Amino acid sequence: MTLDLLPVGQKARIVAVDWSVLAPDEGKRLRALGIDTGAKVAVAHRGVFAGSDPLAITVGRMTVALRRVHAGAMSVEVA
């Protein structure tokens, strides 16, 4: 399952990231925020506009806005 399909409130762990989908600077920013393989995440909210973009995800004690296309590049396993 990818992060963009994770139900709101469900906790998961990132098991793989397809960095080739993201621009190098975007990948660098996400890694700096702790969004990488092994990170424990949960979807807090989904956007209300078409495509439910952006997603608000929690990483540790942080809440981060993430584009749906970025979340689609991350494979997760439910905790």
C-alpha atoms as a PDB file:
ATOM      1  CA  MET A   1       0.000   0.000   0.000  1.00  0.00           C
ATOM      2  CA  THR A   2       1.199   3.520  -0.656  1.00  0.00           C
ATOM      3  CA  LEU A   3       0.962   6.390   1.813  1.00  0.00           C
ATOM      4  CA  ASP A   4      -1.626   8.259  -0.266  1.00  0.00           C
ATOM      5  CA  LEU A   5      -4.055   5.319   0.156  1.00  0.00           C
ATOM      6  CA  LEU A   6      -3.606   4.976   3.926  1.00  0.00           C
ATOM      7  CA  PRO A   7      -6.854   5.691   5.813  1.00  0.00           C
ATOM      8  CA  VAL A   8      -6.939   8.762   8.049  1.00  0.00           C
ATOM      9  CA  GLY A   9      -5.734   7.919  11.551  1.00  0.00           C
ATOM     10  CA  GLN A  10      -4.099   4.604  10.571  1.00  0.00           C
ATOM     11  CA  LYS A  11      -0.496   4.283  11.742  1.00  0.00           C
ATOM     12  CA  ALA A  12       2.106   2.835   9.401  1.00  0.00           C
ATOM     13  CA  ARG A  13       5.828   2.570   8.736  1.00  0.00           C
ATOM     14  CA  ILE A  14       7.477   3.614   5.490  1.00  0.00           C
ATOM     15  CA  VAL A  15       9.126   0.516   3.991  1.00  0.00           C
ATOM     16  CA  ALA A  16      10.296   1.926   0.631  1.00  0.00           C
ATOM     17  CA  VAL A  17      10.482   5.220  -1.235  1.00  0.00           C
ATOM     18  CA  ASP A  18      10.729   5.527  -5.023  1.00  0.00           C
ATOM     19  CA  TRP A  19      13.026   8.555  -5.050  1.00  0.00           C
ATOM     20  CA  SER A  20      13.106   8.564  -8.870  1.00  0.00           C
ATOM     21  CA  VAL A  21       9.532   9.935  -8.872  1.00  0.00           C
ATOM     22  CA  LEU A  22      10.634  13.022  -6.947  1.00  0.00           C
ATOM     23  CA  ALA A  23      12.897  15.879  -7.951  1.00  0.00           C
ATOM     24  CA  PRO A  24      16.260  15.753  -6.124  1.00  0.00           C
ATOM     25  CA  ASP A  25      15.513  18.891  -4.080  1.00  0.00           C
ATOM     26  CA  GLU A  26      12.110  17.506  -3.048  1.00  0.00           C
ATOM     27  CA  GLY A  27      13.705  14.256  -1.880  1.00  0.00           C
ATOM     28  CA  LYS A  28      16.313  16.178   0.083  1.00  0.00           C
ATOM     29  CA  ARG A  29      13.617  18.251   1.812  1.00  0.00           C
ATOM     30  CA  LEU A  30      11.580  15.157   2.729  1.00  0.00           C
ATOM     31  CA  ARG A  31      14.638  13.385   4.156  1.00  0.00           C
ATOM     32  CA  ALA A  32      15.466  16.518   6.200  1.00  0.00           C
ATOM     33  CA  LEU A  33      11.968  16.301   7.695  1.00  0.00           C
ATOM     34  CA  GLY A  34      12.536  12.656   8.652  1.00  0.00           C
ATOM     35  CA  ILE A  35      10.325  11.225   5.909  1.00  0.00           C
ATOM     36  CA  ASP A  36      12.370   8.219   4.788  1.00  0.00           C
ATOM     37  CA  THR A  37      12.439   4.437   5.040  1.00  0.00           C
ATOM     38  CA  GLY A  38      11.654   3.306   8.590  1.00  0.00           C
ATOM     39  CA  ALA A  39       9.751   6.447   9.621  1.00  0.00           C
ATOM     40  CA  LYS A  40       6.486   5.936  11.505  1.00  0.00           C
ATOM     41  CA  VAL A  41       3.724   8.003   9.939  1.00  0.00           C
ATOM     42  CA  ALA A  42      -0.045   8.497   9.956  1.00  0.00           C
ATOM     43  CA  VAL A  43      -2.402  10.491   7.741  1.00  0.00           C
ATOM     44  CA  ALA A  44      -3.937  13.200   9.941  1.00  0.00           C
ATOM     45  CA  HIS A  45      -6.116  14.957   7.324  1.00  0.00           C
ATOM     46  CA  ARG A  46      -6.827  14.986   3.612  1.00  0.00           C
ATOM     47  CA  GLY A  47      -7.369  18.123   1.566  1.00  0.00           C
ATOM     48  CA  VAL A  48     -10.934  18.981   0.588  1.00  0.00           C
ATOM     49  CA  PHE A  49     -10.214  19.977  -2.992  1.00  0.00           C
ATOM     50  CA  ALA A  50     -10.245  17.678  -6.004  1.00  0.00           C
ATOM     51  CA  GLY A  51      -7.826  14.804  -5.533  1.00  0.00           C
ATOM     52  CA  SER A  52      -7.714  15.247  -1.742  1.00  0.00           C
ATOM     53  CA  ASP A  53      -4.487  17.213  -2.078  1.00  0.00           C
ATOM     54  CA  PRO A  54      -2.494  17.918   0.068  1.00  0.00           C
ATOM     55  CA  LEU A  55      -2.271  15.318   2.818  1.00  0.00           C
ATOM     56  CA  ALA A  56      -1.368  16.252   6.380  1.00  0.00           C
ATOM     57  CA  ILE A  57       0.776  13.486   7.808  1.00  0.00           C
ATOM     58  CA  THR A  58       2.281  13.085  11.241  1.00  0.00           C
ATOM     59  CA  VAL A  59       5.902  12.058  11.545  1.00  0.00           C
ATOM     60  CA  GLY A  60       6.805  11.721  15.194  1.00  0.00           C
ATOM     61  CA  ARG A  61       5.415  14.867  16.833  1.00  0.00           C
ATOM     62  CA  MET A  62       5.421  16.913  13.597  1.00  0.00           C
ATOM     63  CA  THR A  63       2.561  17.432  11.175  1.00  0.00           C
ATOM     64  CA  VAL A  64       3.718  17.920   7.590  1.00  0.00           C
ATOM     65  CA  ALA A  65       1.763  18.832   4.453  1.00  0.00           C
ATOM     66  CA  LEU A  66       2.629  16.435   1.660  1.00  0.00           C
ATOM     67  CA  ARG A  67       1.514  16.371  -1.955  1.00  0.00           C
ATOM     68  CA  ARG A  68      -0.427  13.308  -2.968  1.00  0.00           C
ATOM     69  CA  VAL A  69       2.096  12.494  -5.723  1.00  0.00           C
ATOM     70  CA  HIS A  70       4.889  12.409  -3.121  1.00  0.00           C
ATOM     71  CA  ALA A  71       2.856  10.194  -0.804  1.00  0.00           C
ATOM     72  CA  GLY A  72       2.184   7.866  -3.756  1.00  0.00           C
ATOM     73  CA  ALA A  73       5.936   7.256  -4.070  1.00  0.00           C
ATOM     74  CA  MET A  74       6.081   5.846  -0.513  1.00  0.00           C
ATOM     75  CA  SER A  75       5.205   2.250   0.254  1.00  0.00           C
ATOM     76  CA  VAL A  76       3.994   1.658   3.808  1.00  0.00           C
ATOM     77  CA  GLU A  77       3.074  -1.261   6.010  1.00  0.00           C
ATOM     78  CA  VAL A  78       0.328  -0.889   8.578  1.00  0.00           C
ATOM     79  CA  ALA A  79       1.617  -0.826  12.152  1.00  0.00           C
END
